[in-house]
């Protein structure tokens, strides 16, 4: 693999959940099956040493993407290639040599640590499972080093998780995640359960780790301020689909999709520049029966008949990929797609 080859490439990723009632109930009620397309054809790649953040409303499929990448759930279709190795369709935890290089930081530091294990065992268990440090004495030395590396004390290894604050527990989770010397971390809203001041400490720690260890991140969040601080790339999701994918600076300076603009306009602004702006109304559609065409069309004030019937393609528009007829047709001052961009 060359330095220009993305570490992670995802193509056509889908996850469908069957929510149908039991067969007898459906027979009596003469009802059909019901499916939720939690992830509906997602494409993205992450260059080595960079951070891609996925943002969107609750239920848009961000965390499902994370679970699919880590093998916690199997995809219904699509490809997941990590450093050239295809992971889609592999059994959970396989291939082990590749899975060791991929780790995850979970959202809730209160639930992600085993309350019956001392911290040293929590951090050392991945090293034992992957046989990176088979000798117990050597493994404990590495645990002590990792605790100090994330800003805790080596003596903290003898304590239980309940003896720590939320921010300290998340530091323990980070130490556990990097214990196998991974190259790629999935961070599923790692700061959402923390106070603002503690969030800043954890984010600074994650950026420091990225610089020192050369880590690649998939960062999931609904907080655009956090995303703006840590991201190189941003993907905006809506009802299981990526609707915009662009460099972080481009998203904040020149958002193109109406839903991206809506998210940015809802960020608190001391100048109140957007207080009189007319925003898209309505609720997120039922994911079991999403609207035809563009999923966002019921809430988009610029939607036309094509938006209501024809799903838009996820095509290039300048440095961004956008799923919107409005953008690709150049309506309402939007930039048309640039010819020849691949």
C-alpha atoms as a PDB file:
ATOM      1  CA  UNK A   1       0.000   0.000   0.000  1.00  0.00           C
ATOM      2  CA  UNK A   2       1.224   3.480  -0.869  1.00  0.00           C
ATOM      3  CA  UNK A   3       0.994   6.498   1.400  1.00  0.00           C
ATOM      4  CA  UNK A   4      -1.812   7.867  -0.823  1.00  0.00           C
ATOM      5  CA  UNK A   5      -3.974   4.760  -0.404  1.00  0.00           C
ATOM      6  CA  UNK A   6      -6.797   5.308   2.128  1.00  0.00           C
ATOM      7  CA  UNK A   7      -6.502   3.188   5.243  1.00  0.00           C
ATOM      8  CA  UNK A   8     -10.239   2.490   5.210  1.00  0.00           C
ATOM      9  CA  UNK A   9     -12.530   2.300   2.172  1.00  0.00           C
ATOM     10  CA  UNK A  10     -16.285   1.750   2.446  1.00  0.00           C
ATOM     11  CA  UNK A  11     -18.388   1.176  -0.666  1.00  0.00           C
ATOM     12  CA  UNK A  12     -22.130   0.593  -0.940  1.00  0.00           C
ATOM     13  CA  UNK A  13     -22.469  -0.255   2.757  1.00  0.00           C
ATOM     14  CA  UNK A  14     -25.982  -1.293   3.748  1.00  0.00           C
ATOM     15  CA  UNK A  15     -27.655  -2.629   6.885  1.00  0.00           C
ATOM     16  CA  UNK A  16     -31.296  -3.711   6.849  1.00  0.00           C
ATOM     17  CA  UNK A  17     -33.136  -4.697  10.021  1.00  0.00           C
ATOM     18  CA  UNK A  18     -36.236  -6.890   9.774  1.00  0.00           C
ATOM     19  CA  UNK A  19     -38.865  -5.472  12.158  1.00  0.00           C
ATOM     20  CA  UNK A  20     -41.680  -7.730  10.954  1.00  0.00           C
ATOM     21  CA  UNK A  21     -44.144  -9.155  13.425  1.00  0.00           C
ATOM     22  CA  UNK A  22     -44.321 -12.965  13.840  1.00  0.00           C
ATOM     23  CA  UNK A  23     -45.655 -14.936  10.888  1.00  0.00           C
ATOM     24  CA  UNK A  24     -48.984 -15.819  12.549  1.00  0.00           C
ATOM     25  CA  UNK A  25     -49.674 -12.180  13.405  1.00  0.00           C
ATOM     26  CA  UNK A  26     -48.908 -11.110   9.859  1.00  0.00           C
ATOM     27  CA  UNK A  27     -51.128 -13.867   8.496  1.00  0.00           C
ATOM     28  CA  UNK A  28     -54.089 -12.855  10.664  1.00  0.00           C
ATOM     29  CA  UNK A  29     -53.633  -9.147   9.991  1.00  0.00           C
ATOM     30  CA  UNK A  30     -52.750  -9.685   6.320  1.00  0.00           C
ATOM     31  CA  UNK A  31     -49.723  -7.489   6.816  1.00  0.00           C
ATOM     32  CA  UNK A  32     -46.419  -7.610   4.995  1.00  0.00           C
ATOM     33  CA  UNK A  33     -42.893  -7.533   6.297  1.00  0.00           C
ATOM     34  CA  UNK A  34     -41.368  -4.318   7.625  1.00  0.00           C
ATOM     35  CA  UNK A  35     -37.749  -3.345   7.152  1.00  0.00           C
ATOM     36  CA  UNK A  36     -35.581  -0.460   8.298  1.00  0.00           C
ATOM     37  CA  UNK A  37     -32.703   0.547   6.027  1.00  0.00           C
ATOM     38  CA  UNK A  38     -30.519   1.839   8.855  1.00  0.00           C
ATOM     39  CA  UNK A  39     -27.541   2.266   6.513  1.00  0.00           C
ATOM     40  CA  UNK A  40     -28.481   2.701   2.879  1.00  0.00           C
ATOM     41  CA  UNK A  41     -25.562   2.647   0.469  1.00  0.00           C
ATOM     42  CA  UNK A  42     -22.842   4.606   2.282  1.00  0.00           C
ATOM     43  CA  UNK A  43     -19.552   5.390   0.501  1.00  0.00           C
ATOM     44  CA  UNK A  44     -16.487   7.004   2.055  1.00  0.00           C
ATOM     45  CA  UNK A  45     -12.759   6.567   2.601  1.00  0.00           C
ATOM     46  CA  UNK A  46     -10.386   7.823   5.305  1.00  0.00           C
ATOM     47  CA  UNK A  47      -6.766   8.765   4.497  1.00  0.00           C
ATOM     48  CA  UNK A  48      -4.094   7.598   6.914  1.00  0.00           C
ATOM     49  CA  UNK A  49      -3.570   9.831   9.919  1.00  0.00           C
ATOM     50  CA  UNK A  50      -6.735  11.855   9.326  1.00  0.00           C
ATOM     51  CA  UNK A  51     -10.170  12.149  10.943  1.00  0.00           C
ATOM     52  CA  UNK A  52     -13.526  11.676   9.269  1.00  0.00           C
ATOM     53  CA  UNK A  53     -16.509  12.735  11.375  1.00  0.00           C
ATOM     54  CA  UNK A  54     -20.063  11.540  10.786  1.00  0.00           C
ATOM     55  CA  UNK A  55     -22.778  13.933  11.966  1.00  0.00           C
ATOM     56  CA  UNK A  56     -26.562  13.946  11.833  1.00  0.00           C
ATOM     57  CA  UNK A  57     -29.694  13.665  13.915  1.00  0.00           C
ATOM     58  CA  UNK A  58     -30.346  10.724  16.217  1.00  0.00           C
ATOM     59  CA  UNK A  59     -31.376   7.650  14.256  1.00  0.00           C
ATOM     60  CA  UNK A  60     -29.600   8.620  11.042  1.00  0.00           C
ATOM     61  CA  UNK A  61     -27.340   5.530  11.136  1.00  0.00           C
ATOM     62  CA  UNK A  62     -24.043   6.930  12.457  1.00  0.00           C
ATOM     63  CA  UNK A  63     -23.570   4.398  15.261  1.00  0.00           C
ATOM     64  CA  UNK A  64     -24.718   1.545  13.015  1.00  0.00           C
ATOM     65  CA  UNK A  65     -21.895   2.412  10.613  1.00  0.00           C
ATOM     66  CA  UNK A  66     -19.458   2.221  13.535  1.00  0.00           C
ATOM     67  CA  UNK A  67     -20.733  -1.204  14.579  1.00  0.00           C
ATOM     68  CA  UNK A  68     -20.510  -2.502  11.014  1.00  0.00           C
ATOM     69  CA  UNK A  69     -16.894  -1.383  10.705  1.00  0.00           C
ATOM     70  CA  UNK A  70     -15.935  -3.032  13.990  1.00  0.00           C
ATOM     71  CA  UNK A  71     -17.698  -6.301  13.205  1.00  0.00           C
ATOM     72  CA  UNK A  72     -20.229  -5.903  16.036  1.00  0.00           C
ATOM     73  CA  UNK A  73     -22.919  -6.306  13.366  1.00  0.00           C
ATOM     74  CA  UNK A  74     -22.732  -7.828   9.910  1.00  0.00           C
ATOM     75  CA  UNK A  75     -23.532  -5.697   6.856  1.00  0.00           C
ATOM     76  CA  UNK A  76     -26.430  -6.621   4.580  1.00  0.00           C
ATOM     77  CA  UNK A  77     -24.407  -5.551   1.535  1.00  0.00           C
ATOM     78  CA  UNK A  78     -21.363  -3.553   0.556  1.00  0.00           C
ATOM     79  CA  UNK A  79     -17.609  -3.583   1.034  1.00  0.00           C
ATOM     80  CA  UNK A  80     -15.381  -2.651   3.988  1.00  0.00           C
ATOM     81  CA  UNK A  81     -11.688  -2.702   3.103  1.00  0.00           C
ATOM     82  CA  UNK A  82      -9.091  -1.967   5.768  1.00  0.00           C
ATOM     83  CA  UNK A  83      -5.582  -1.582   4.394  1.00  0.00           C
ATOM     84  CA  UNK A  84      -6.607  -3.733   1.442  1.00  0.00           C
ATOM     85  CA  UNK A  85      -8.223  -6.503   3.540  1.00  0.00           C
ATOM     86  CA  UNK A  86     -11.930  -7.125   2.948  1.00  0.00           C
ATOM     87  CA  UNK A  87     -13.823  -7.293   6.266  1.00  0.00           C
ATOM     88  CA  UNK A  88     -17.436  -7.526   5.075  1.00  0.00           C
ATOM     89  CA  UNK A  89     -18.731 -11.057   5.497  1.00  0.00           C
ATOM     90  CA  UNK A  90     -15.943 -12.102   7.878  1.00  0.00           C
ATOM     91  CA  UNK A  91     -16.848 -13.732  11.222  1.00  0.00           C
ATOM     92  CA  UNK A  92     -16.761 -11.481  14.270  1.00  0.00           C
ATOM     93  CA  UNK A  93     -13.184 -10.744  15.307  1.00  0.00           C
ATOM     94  CA  UNK A  94     -11.629 -12.060  12.090  1.00  0.00           C
ATOM     95  CA  UNK A  95      -9.080 -11.726  10.711  1.00  0.00           C
ATOM     96  CA  UNK A  96      -7.475 -11.236  14.116  1.00  0.00           C
ATOM     97  CA  UNK A  97      -4.324  -9.574  12.764  1.00  0.00           C
ATOM     98  CA  UNK A  98      -6.463  -6.864  11.156  1.00  0.00           C
ATOM     99  CA  UNK A  99      -8.929  -6.497  14.024  1.00  0.00           C
ATOM    100  CA  UNK A 100      -6.041  -5.844  16.413  1.00  0.00           C
ATOM    101  CA  UNK A 101      -5.306  -2.724  14.378  1.00  0.00           C
ATOM    102  CA  UNK A 102      -8.894  -1.461  14.789  1.00  0.00           C
ATOM    103  CA  UNK A 103     -10.294  -0.450  18.179  1.00  0.00           C
ATOM    104  CA  UNK A 104     -13.300   1.481  19.467  1.00  0.00           C
ATOM    105  CA  UNK A 105     -13.990   4.106  22.128  1.00  0.00           C
ATOM    106  CA  UNK A 106     -17.596   3.875  23.278  1.00  0.00           C
ATOM    107  CA  UNK A 107     -19.960   6.692  24.160  1.00  0.00           C
ATOM    108  CA  UNK A 108     -20.702   5.940  27.800  1.00  0.00           C
ATOM    109  CA  UNK A 109     -17.629   5.554  30.038  1.00  0.00           C
ATOM    110  CA  UNK A 110     -19.913   4.365  32.831  1.00  0.00           C
ATOM    111  CA  UNK A 111     -21.167   1.366  30.850  1.00  0.00           C
ATOM    112  CA  UNK A 112     -18.171   0.440  28.700  1.00  0.00           C
ATOM    113  CA  UNK A 113     -15.891  -0.646  31.576  1.00  0.00           C
ATOM    114  CA  UNK A 114     -16.427  -3.896  33.462  1.00  0.00           C
ATOM    115  CA  UNK A 115     -17.290  -2.795  37.034  1.00  0.00           C
ATOM    116  CA  UNK A 116     -15.967  -6.068  38.515  1.00  0.00           C
ATOM    117  CA  UNK A 117     -12.477  -5.757  37.050  1.00  0.00           C
ATOM    118  CA  UNK A 118      -9.676  -3.579  38.302  1.00  0.00           C
ATOM    119  CA  UNK A 119      -8.434  -1.006  35.819  1.00  0.00           C
ATOM    120  CA  UNK A 120      -5.183  -2.891  35.171  1.00  0.00           C
ATOM    121  CA  UNK A 121      -7.145  -5.906  33.991  1.00  0.00           C
ATOM    122  CA  UNK A 122      -9.513  -3.772  31.898  1.00  0.00           C
ATOM    123  CA  UNK A 123      -6.599  -2.241  29.997  1.00  0.00           C
ATOM    124  CA  UNK A 124      -4.518  -5.413  29.876  1.00  0.00           C
ATOM    125  CA  UNK A 125      -7.247  -7.734  28.586  1.00  0.00           C
ATOM    126  CA  UNK A 126      -6.871  -6.736  24.880  1.00  0.00           C
ATOM    127  CA  UNK A 127      -3.095  -7.263  25.142  1.00  0.00           C
ATOM    128  CA  UNK A 128      -3.749 -10.718  26.585  1.00  0.00           C
ATOM    129  CA  UNK A 129      -6.411 -11.595  23.992  1.00  0.00           C
ATOM    130  CA  UNK A 130      -4.227 -10.597  21.030  1.00  0.00           C
ATOM    131  CA  UNK A 131      -1.047 -11.979  22.695  1.00  0.00           C
ATOM    132  CA  UNK A 132       0.838  -8.714  22.215  1.00  0.00           C
ATOM    133  CA  UNK A 133       2.171  -8.941  25.799  1.00  0.00           C
ATOM    134  CA  UNK A 134       1.835 -12.580  26.945  1.00  0.00           C
ATOM    135  CA  UNK A 135       4.047 -12.159  30.019  1.00  0.00           C
ATOM    136  CA  UNK A 136       1.967 -10.806  32.974  1.00  0.00           C
ATOM    137  CA  UNK A 137       4.835  -8.733  34.388  1.00  0.00           C
ATOM    138  CA  UNK A 138       5.574  -7.116  31.048  1.00  0.00           C
ATOM    139  CA  UNK A 139       1.848  -6.569  30.492  1.00  0.00           C
ATOM    140  CA  UNK A 140       1.475  -4.754  33.816  1.00  0.00           C
ATOM    141  CA  UNK A 141       4.431  -2.502  32.982  1.00  0.00           C
ATOM    142  CA  UNK A 142       2.740  -1.586  29.724  1.00  0.00           C
ATOM    143  CA  UNK A 143      -0.551  -0.909  31.552  1.00  0.00           C
ATOM    144  CA  UNK A 144       1.261   1.434  33.949  1.00  0.00           C
ATOM    145  CA  UNK A 145       2.863   3.234  31.012  1.00  0.00           C
ATOM    146  CA  UNK A 146      -0.482   3.651  29.249  1.00  0.00           C
ATOM    147  CA  UNK A 147      -2.153   5.018  32.384  1.00  0.00           C
ATOM    148  CA  UNK A 148       0.518   7.681  32.707  1.00  0.00           C
ATOM    149  CA  UNK A 149       0.370   8.340  28.968  1.00  0.00           C
ATOM    150  CA  UNK A 150      -3.332   9.297  29.188  1.00  0.00           C
ATOM    151  CA  UNK A 151      -2.817  11.484  32.251  1.00  0.00           C
ATOM    152  CA  UNK A 152      -3.532   9.074  35.113  1.00  0.00           C
ATOM    153  CA  UNK A 153      -1.279   7.405  37.671  1.00  0.00           C
ATOM    154  CA  UNK A 154       0.206   3.909  37.497  1.00  0.00           C
ATOM    155  CA  UNK A 155      -1.292   3.278  40.955  1.00  0.00           C
ATOM    156  CA  UNK A 156      -4.756   3.760  39.450  1.00  0.00           C
ATOM    157  CA  UNK A 157      -4.453   0.318  37.900  1.00  0.00           C
ATOM    158  CA  UNK A 158      -5.347  -1.251  41.262  1.00  0.00           C
ATOM    159  CA  UNK A 159      -8.653   0.639  41.520  1.00  0.00           C
ATOM    160  CA  UNK A 160     -12.111  -0.204  40.215  1.00  0.00           C
ATOM    161  CA  UNK A 161     -13.898   1.916  37.565  1.00  0.00           C
ATOM    162  CA  UNK A 162     -16.468   3.273  40.043  1.00  0.00           C
ATOM    163  CA  UNK A 163     -13.674   5.091  41.876  1.00  0.00           C
ATOM    164  CA  UNK A 164     -13.134   7.471  38.943  1.00  0.00           C
ATOM    165  CA  UNK A 165     -14.960  10.451  37.481  1.00  0.00           C
ATOM    166  CA  UNK A 166     -16.507  10.374  34.001  1.00  0.00           C
ATOM    167  CA  UNK A 167     -13.529  12.056  32.364  1.00  0.00           C
ATOM    168  CA  UNK A 168     -11.083   9.712  34.091  1.00  0.00           C
ATOM    169  CA  UNK A 169     -13.107   6.696  32.990  1.00  0.00           C
ATOM    170  CA  UNK A 170     -12.982   7.900  29.400  1.00  0.00           C
ATOM    171  CA  UNK A 171      -9.204   8.202  29.735  1.00  0.00           C
ATOM    172  CA  UNK A 172      -9.174   4.573  30.886  1.00  0.00           C
ATOM    173  CA  UNK A 173     -11.279   3.665  27.837  1.00  0.00           C
ATOM    174  CA  UNK A 174      -8.768   5.433  25.595  1.00  0.00           C
ATOM    175  CA  UNK A 175      -5.873   3.611  27.271  1.00  0.00           C
ATOM    176  CA  UNK A 176      -7.653   0.304  26.666  1.00  0.00           C
ATOM    177  CA  UNK A 177      -8.304   1.236  23.015  1.00  0.00           C
ATOM    178  CA  UNK A 178      -4.640   2.014  22.282  1.00  0.00           C
ATOM    179  CA  UNK A 179      -3.255  -0.921  24.298  1.00  0.00           C
ATOM    180  CA  UNK A 180      -2.904  -3.126  21.197  1.00  0.00           C
ATOM    181  CA  UNK A 181      -1.142  -0.350  19.267  1.00  0.00           C
ATOM    182  CA  UNK A 182      -3.973   0.115  16.740  1.00  0.00           C
ATOM    183  CA  UNK A 183      -3.834   2.296  13.646  1.00  0.00           C
ATOM    184  CA  UNK A 184      -7.555   3.059  13.449  1.00  0.00           C
ATOM    185  CA  UNK A 185      -9.999   4.131  16.166  1.00  0.00           C
ATOM    186  CA  UNK A 186     -13.770   4.378  15.927  1.00  0.00           C
ATOM    187  CA  UNK A 187     -14.918   7.033  18.398  1.00  0.00           C
ATOM    188  CA  UNK A 188     -18.673   6.774  18.981  1.00  0.00           C
ATOM    189  CA  UNK A 189     -19.594  10.094  20.626  1.00  0.00           C
ATOM    190  CA  UNK A 190     -16.783   9.730  23.186  1.00  0.00           C
ATOM    191  CA  UNK A 191     -17.417  13.132  24.802  1.00  0.00           C
ATOM    192  CA  UNK A 192     -21.222  13.425  24.759  1.00  0.00           C
ATOM    193  CA  UNK A 193     -21.626  12.111  28.326  1.00  0.00           C
ATOM    194  CA  UNK A 194     -19.015  14.508  29.746  1.00  0.00           C
ATOM    195  CA  UNK A 195     -19.036  18.078  31.017  1.00  0.00           C
ATOM    196  CA  UNK A 196     -17.820  20.765  28.622  1.00  0.00           C
ATOM    197  CA  UNK A 197     -14.503  21.323  30.397  1.00  0.00           C
ATOM    198  CA  UNK A 198     -13.832  17.579  30.500  1.00  0.00           C
ATOM    199  CA  UNK A 199     -14.807  17.297  26.824  1.00  0.00           C
ATOM    200  CA  UNK A 200     -12.025  19.726  25.957  1.00  0.00           C
ATOM    201  CA  UNK A 201      -9.479  17.674  27.912  1.00  0.00           C
ATOM    202  CA  UNK A 202     -10.476  14.438  26.161  1.00  0.00           C
ATOM    203  CA  UNK A 203     -10.454  16.069  22.707  1.00  0.00           C
ATOM    204  CA  UNK A 204      -7.004  17.535  23.334  1.00  0.00           C
ATOM    205  CA  UNK A 205      -5.793  14.114  24.456  1.00  0.00           C
ATOM    206  CA  UNK A 206      -7.186  12.494  21.305  1.00  0.00           C
ATOM    207  CA  UNK A 207      -5.482  15.045  19.059  1.00  0.00           C
ATOM    208  CA  UNK A 208      -2.209  14.531  20.912  1.00  0.00           C
ATOM    209  CA  UNK A 209      -2.511  10.760  20.495  1.00  0.00           C
ATOM    210  CA  UNK A 210      -3.188  11.208  16.794  1.00  0.00           C
ATOM    211  CA  UNK A 211      -0.041  13.288  16.361  1.00  0.00           C
ATOM    212  CA  UNK A 212       2.195  10.996  18.405  1.00  0.00           C
ATOM    213  CA  UNK A 213       0.870   7.623  17.270  1.00  0.00           C
ATOM    214  CA  UNK A 214      -0.278   8.470  13.740  1.00  0.00           C
ATOM    215  CA  UNK A 215      -3.818   7.300  14.435  1.00  0.00           C
ATOM    216  CA  UNK A 216      -6.701   7.443  11.960  1.00  0.00           C
ATOM    217  CA  UNK A 217     -10.127   8.285  13.408  1.00  0.00           C
ATOM    218  CA  UNK A 218     -13.754   7.767  12.497  1.00  0.00           C
ATOM    219  CA  UNK A 219     -15.401  10.234  14.877  1.00  0.00           C
ATOM    220  CA  UNK A 220     -19.160  10.154  15.459  1.00  0.00           C
ATOM    221  CA  UNK A 221     -20.906  13.106  17.033  1.00  0.00           C
ATOM    222  CA  UNK A 222     -23.962  15.333  16.932  1.00  0.00           C
ATOM    223  CA  UNK A 223     -22.018  18.309  18.332  1.00  0.00           C
ATOM    224  CA  UNK A 224     -20.786  20.447  15.448  1.00  0.00           C
ATOM    225  CA  UNK A 225     -18.449  22.453  17.692  1.00  0.00           C
ATOM    226  CA  UNK A 226     -16.629  19.228  18.611  1.00  0.00           C
ATOM    227  CA  UNK A 227     -16.602  18.102  14.982  1.00  0.00           C
ATOM    228  CA  UNK A 228     -15.163  21.423  13.820  1.00  0.00           C
ATOM    229  CA  UNK A 229     -12.289  21.085  16.311  1.00  0.00           C
ATOM    230  CA  UNK A 230     -11.162  17.552  15.531  1.00  0.00           C
ATOM    231  CA  UNK A 231     -12.101  16.781  11.903  1.00  0.00           C
ATOM    232  CA  UNK A 232     -10.272  16.766   8.599  1.00  0.00           C
ATOM    233  CA  UNK A 233     -13.351  15.502   6.734  1.00  0.00           C
ATOM    234  CA  UNK A 234     -17.049  15.615   7.604  1.00  0.00           C
ATOM    235  CA  UNK A 235     -19.841  13.362   6.369  1.00  0.00           C
ATOM    236  CA  UNK A 236     -23.442  14.443   6.972  1.00  0.00           C
ATOM    237  CA  UNK A 237     -25.974  11.602   7.291  1.00  0.00           C
ATOM    238  CA  UNK A 238     -29.749  11.666   6.964  1.00  0.00           C
ATOM    239  CA  UNK A 239     -31.987   8.586   7.213  1.00  0.00           C
ATOM    240  CA  UNK A 240     -29.170   6.148   6.524  1.00  0.00           C
ATOM    241  CA  UNK A 241     -27.620   8.029   3.600  1.00  0.00           C
ATOM    242  CA  UNK A 242     -24.635  10.321   3.310  1.00  0.00           C
ATOM    243  CA  UNK A 243     -25.995  13.579   1.877  1.00  0.00           C
ATOM    244  CA  UNK A 244     -22.725  15.556   1.906  1.00  0.00           C
ATOM    245  CA  UNK A 245     -19.059  14.630   2.307  1.00  0.00           C
ATOM    246  CA  UNK A 246     -16.356  17.294   2.169  1.00  0.00           C
ATOM    247  CA  UNK A 247     -13.270  18.701   3.905  1.00  0.00           C
ATOM    248  CA  UNK A 248     -14.223  20.163   7.277  1.00  0.00           C
ATOM    249  CA  UNK A 249     -13.289  23.720   6.294  1.00  0.00           C
ATOM    250  CA  UNK A 250     -15.482  23.454   3.195  1.00  0.00           C
ATOM    251  CA  UNK A 251     -18.494  22.219   5.165  1.00  0.00           C
ATOM    252  CA  UNK A 252     -18.360  25.129   7.608  1.00  0.00           C
ATOM    253  CA  UNK A 253     -17.517  27.780   5.002  1.00  0.00           C
ATOM    254  CA  UNK A 254     -19.698  26.666   2.058  1.00  0.00           C
ATOM    255  CA  UNK A 255     -22.290  24.019   2.972  1.00  0.00           C
ATOM    256  CA  UNK A 256     -24.242  22.866  -0.076  1.00  0.00           C
ATOM    257  CA  UNK A 257     -26.951  20.391   0.923  1.00  0.00           C
ATOM    258  CA  UNK A 258     -30.046  22.011   2.532  1.00  0.00           C
ATOM    259  CA  UNK A 259     -29.825  19.610   5.472  1.00  0.00           C
ATOM    260  CA  UNK A 260     -26.178  20.547   6.102  1.00  0.00           C
ATOM    261  CA  UNK A 261     -27.183  24.207   6.102  1.00  0.00           C
ATOM    262  CA  UNK A 262     -29.978  23.412   8.570  1.00  0.00           C
ATOM    263  CA  UNK A 263     -27.543  21.731  10.966  1.00  0.00           C
ATOM    264  CA  UNK A 264     -25.129  24.657  10.840  1.00  0.00           C
ATOM    265  CA  UNK A 265     -27.908  27.218  11.346  1.00  0.00           C
ATOM    266  CA  UNK A 266     -28.979  25.498  14.564  1.00  0.00           C
ATOM    267  CA  UNK A 267     -25.557  25.962  16.154  1.00  0.00           C
ATOM    268  CA  UNK A 268     -25.831  28.615  18.929  1.00  0.00           C
ATOM    269  CA  UNK A 269     -24.552  31.965  17.652  1.00  0.00           C
ATOM    270  CA  UNK A 270     -23.963  34.919  19.954  1.00  0.00           C
ATOM    271  CA  UNK A 271     -24.556  37.319  17.050  1.00  0.00           C
ATOM    272  CA  UNK A 272     -28.031  35.771  16.423  1.00  0.00           C
ATOM    273  CA  UNK A 273     -27.420  36.194  12.708  1.00  0.00           C
ATOM    274  CA  UNK A 274     -29.876  33.421  11.800  1.00  0.00           C
ATOM    275  CA  UNK A 275     -32.713  34.302  14.175  1.00  0.00           C
ATOM    276  CA  UNK A 276     -35.061  35.524  11.394  1.00  0.00           C
ATOM    277  CA  UNK A 277     -34.141  32.802   8.899  1.00  0.00           C
ATOM    278  CA  UNK A 278     -36.882  30.456   7.703  1.00  0.00           C
ATOM    279  CA  UNK A 279     -35.780  26.938   8.528  1.00  0.00           C
ATOM    280  CA  UNK A 280     -37.080  23.643   7.144  1.00  0.00           C
ATOM    281  CA  UNK A 281     -40.051  22.475   9.187  1.00  0.00           C
ATOM    282  CA  UNK A 282     -41.396  19.050  10.063  1.00  0.00           C
ATOM    283  CA  UNK A 283     -40.112  15.921  11.761  1.00  0.00           C
ATOM    284  CA  UNK A 284     -37.768  13.219  10.545  1.00  0.00           C
ATOM    285  CA  UNK A 285     -39.867  10.777   8.446  1.00  0.00           C
ATOM    286  CA  UNK A 286     -40.606   7.270   9.661  1.00  0.00           C
ATOM    287  CA  UNK A 287     -37.509   5.210   8.703  1.00  0.00           C
ATOM    288  CA  UNK A 288     -39.736   2.179   8.008  1.00  0.00           C
ATOM    289  CA  UNK A 289     -41.559   4.096   5.281  1.00  0.00           C
ATOM    290  CA  UNK A 290     -39.148   6.807   4.095  1.00  0.00           C
ATOM    291  CA  UNK A 291     -40.412   9.247   1.461  1.00  0.00           C
ATOM    292  CA  UNK A 292     -39.641   8.430  -2.190  1.00  0.00           C
ATOM    293  CA  UNK A 293     -36.991  10.346  -4.062  1.00  0.00           C
ATOM    294  CA  UNK A 294     -34.789  12.460  -1.812  1.00  0.00           C
ATOM    295  CA  UNK A 295     -35.458  11.489   1.809  1.00  0.00           C
ATOM    296  CA  UNK A 296     -35.178  15.136   2.844  1.00  0.00           C
ATOM    297  CA  UNK A 297     -37.794  16.441   0.388  1.00  0.00           C
ATOM    298  CA  UNK A 298     -40.715  16.731   2.915  1.00  0.00           C
ATOM    299  CA  UNK A 299     -38.643  19.190   4.983  1.00  0.00           C
ATOM    300  CA  UNK A 300     -36.894  21.024   2.139  1.00  0.00           C
ATOM    301  CA  UNK A 301     -38.503  24.340   1.046  1.00  0.00           C
ATOM    302  CA  UNK A 302     -36.763  24.085  -2.339  1.00  0.00           C
ATOM    303  CA  UNK A 303     -37.936  20.581  -3.266  1.00  0.00           C
ATOM    304  CA  UNK A 304     -39.595  20.084  -6.660  1.00  0.00           C
ATOM    305  CA  UNK A 305     -41.328  17.164  -8.393  1.00  0.00           C
ATOM    306  CA  UNK A 306     -38.005  15.533  -9.309  1.00  0.00           C
ATOM    307  CA  UNK A 307     -36.907  15.621  -5.655  1.00  0.00           C
ATOM    308  CA  UNK A 308     -40.122  13.831  -4.661  1.00  0.00           C
ATOM    309  CA  UNK A 309     -39.781  10.999  -7.179  1.00  0.00           C
ATOM    310  CA  UNK A 310     -36.129  10.460  -8.170  1.00  0.00           C
ATOM    311  CA  UNK A 311     -33.380   9.634  -5.645  1.00  0.00           C
ATOM    312  CA  UNK A 312     -30.446  12.014  -6.191  1.00  0.00           C
ATOM    313  CA  UNK A 313     -27.013  10.623  -6.983  1.00  0.00           C
ATOM    314  CA  UNK A 314     -24.093  11.104  -4.603  1.00  0.00           C
ATOM    315  CA  UNK A 315     -21.984  13.126  -7.048  1.00  0.00           C
ATOM    316  CA  UNK A 316     -19.155  15.635  -6.926  1.00  0.00           C
ATOM    317  CA  UNK A 317     -19.791  19.373  -6.659  1.00  0.00           C
ATOM    318  CA  UNK A 318     -16.450  21.113  -6.358  1.00  0.00           C
ATOM    319  CA  UNK A 319     -14.438  19.558  -3.483  1.00  0.00           C
ATOM    320  CA  UNK A 320     -17.577  17.957  -1.982  1.00  0.00           C
ATOM    321  CA  UNK A 321     -19.778  14.995  -2.793  1.00  0.00           C
ATOM    322  CA  UNK A 322     -23.440  15.937  -2.448  1.00  0.00           C
ATOM    323  CA  UNK A 323     -26.703  14.008  -2.759  1.00  0.00           C
ATOM    324  CA  UNK A 324     -29.017  16.790  -3.968  1.00  0.00           C
ATOM    325  CA  UNK A 325     -30.786  17.667  -7.249  1.00  0.00           C
ATOM    326  CA  UNK A 326     -30.785  21.318  -6.195  1.00  0.00           C
ATOM    327  CA  UNK A 327     -26.989  21.418  -6.098  1.00  0.00           C
ATOM    328  CA  UNK A 328     -26.356  19.451  -9.281  1.00  0.00           C
ATOM    329  CA  UNK A 329     -28.856  21.502 -11.284  1.00  0.00           C
ATOM    330  CA  UNK A 330     -27.382  24.764  -9.995  1.00  0.00           C
ATOM    331  CA  UNK A 331     -30.747  26.047  -8.721  1.00  0.00           C
ATOM    332  CA  UNK A 332     -31.003  28.813  -6.103  1.00  0.00           C
ATOM    333  CA  UNK A 333     -27.421  29.914  -6.638  1.00  0.00           C
ATOM    334  CA  UNK A 334     -25.953  26.517  -5.783  1.00  0.00           C
ATOM    335  CA  UNK A 335     -22.766  25.622  -7.638  1.00  0.00           C
ATOM    336  CA  UNK A 336     -23.279  23.039 -10.390  1.00  0.00           C
ATOM    337  CA  UNK A 337     -21.224  19.896 -10.367  1.00  0.00           C
ATOM    338  CA  UNK A 338     -17.800  20.295 -11.934  1.00  0.00           C
ATOM    339  CA  UNK A 339     -17.298  18.230 -15.040  1.00  0.00           C
ATOM    340  CA  UNK A 340     -14.437  15.787 -14.995  1.00  0.00           C
ATOM    341  CA  UNK A 341     -14.076  15.558 -11.204  1.00  0.00           C
ATOM    342  CA  UNK A 342     -13.663  11.914 -10.169  1.00  0.00           C
END
